[in-house]
Amino acid sequence: MMENENNEIESEFDENSYILELPDHILLQIISYIDITADLALSCKKFYQLVCWSSRNDIPLNLCYKELCDPLTFLSVMKSERQFDDLIINLCNCQVLTDIFFNRIVNLLKKYGPKIKQLTIWNSIQSKPTEMCQSMLYEILSLTNNIEKFTFRNIYVSETGDINDKELDLHKLRTLVLDYVLLNSAKVLLKIPKNILTELTFTFEPYSEVEFQDFFNRQANIKKLEIFENDKIDFSHLRLEHLKISSNINFPLMIQQQPNLRYLDFAITWVSDDTILEVCKLKHLEVLKTLVDLVSNRVFKGFNELSNLKELRLDSHSSYDMGYLSELSMMRGLRLEKLTFLFSERKIHSEVIIQMANNFHYLKHIELINRSIAVLDTLVQNLPTLETILLDYFAVFGAPEDTLIISDESPKKNLKQLVVIHVNVNELENGRNLLKLVNICPNLERLMLSKLVNFGKDDLENILQSHINLTHLSIETDEFEFNEDTVQMIFKYGVALKHFRLSGMSKCLAYKTLKEIFRNKFPILNMYKYSSGDIELVMRKRKVDDWHQNFKLMDHF
């Protein structure tokens, strides 16, 4: 790139460059796969414009209440030439949606609404719900007639305000998430066209379940349903394939009415023998998640009949061992690929895992809550086919009850992901042995470790240098100093990295410095400084999510 005497940018590409003759949408697609977009933008005017356009539109427009209230910020948003398909409106600290503030949302949607495919309006579930009237909700939906997914969380919708009798033009809407909302009336929902929804999340208790039953009756094509504490709503007319439910309904009858279920999650509901007997008759079931404390060992043996089951999560709150895991480990009829054990009140014995290794030859993923850290060695030594391990210590147990000892340091080449979270590894020996475990897994692609004592530059360098396939790395440490040497190390060894996080640092280079250094490698960079003095750095490529926030084993409802 050069400047002429009028300080105008001249392209290094000559006018016969064939690449510049490609349509913009093809060039944008090419740019989406390129990491050096900042350098590409300097090559010519056209690429500069395309890179700017691409970078803006990859990220959802995420506006909070404070930003929408600020006249300058709102004016800047309205003047933007951005084209995006994902809009998020955060109403935290907004108790009531006033007419003035609502008009700003309306103006925003009048400009951008037709392009939006995903719309999220939410408030934190730790906060008091934001109040709006039903006429506001109706108008918002009327201005976004191309949305495919609408998420509405922790909002109180009053019955005030008249709404149009006309049906909403939402014929592309497929996914509706009503999460912790309070709706006095189903009038707006009844304006959604019939039989267009395929996925529905309904995690609130309406004032009138009869009125909301009419809404359910209008949506006969729902295949995926997540519903919470709505005992009187009948969904027997649906032919569900995916169901997550917490309720006091007649479960055996419900299961009989849904023979096509492939995914069944009972969330926090206690289920009995009668329910499990019906579950074991589901011929297509591939995923089952359930509490087992009220299930007899005799009925539990019926799980062996679920020949299509690929994923099983067992949850127990009891400190007494009913023998479920021992019984499960001897089932030869199962072809499980993923197992999750949420047994927070007792340890999982190594003998159970060793027995599983003899029968579960297809097992690739295991997740568990356990009081033992030594179980990690049992897993890697006895289940060589494992590709992912997640150990959630659940933070309530204090320090581990035992010590991690690596019994065999031969390479474990199949393991691709290792996540150890909520473990307060304040013992140097366990921390060192966790790193030794990492060293014998050379093909790791994703690694996340809880707080490590005395984790230093040499440890980070060893992880990066020994794991050339590592794309996601998250380390929680103490006293780590992020300096110029760390930067060079990341560029030298972290070639494949797409997501990098260091938490608990005592010192770090300035945010602006890091933003400039990593502008090509990690276009999205955030730094957090906490009152404790700790510093957290999160860097990632475009279109890569905050991977470290995805692990919530106790996420029921």
Foldseek 3Di string as FASTA:
>chain_A
DDADPVRDDDAPDDPPPVVVVDDLVVVLVVVVPALQLVVQLNRHVVSVVSSVQSVQALDEAAEEPVQLPDPVSLVVLLPDPHAYAEYEYEDEVAAECDPVSLVSLLSNLQVHQQRHAEYEYEYDPVDQAYEDEPQSVLSNQLSNQNYQEYAYYRHEYHPDDDHDPAARNNQNHAYYEYYNYEYQACVSLVSHAFQRYQEYEAEDEYPDLVRVLVSLVRHQNHAAYEYEAHQPRDNLSHQYQHYFYAYDHDQLVSLVSHLNHQYYHPFPHADALSNLLSVLVNQNHAYYEHEPPRYAPVSLLSVLSNQNHAEYEYAYPDLDCRCSLVSVLQRQSYQYQEYEYEHLNAADDLVSLLSNLVRHLNHAYYEYAHLAPQVVLSCVVRNLNHAEYHYEPVLPNAARPDAHDNPDLAASARHAEYHYPNHPPPDQRRLVVVLSVLLSHQAHQEYADEEHEPDEPVSVLSNQQSHQNHAYYEYEYAAYAADPVNLVSCVVRVPNYFKDKYKHYQYHDDPVVVCVSCCSVFVDKDWDADPVNIIMIITGHRPDDNVVPPDDPSPRD
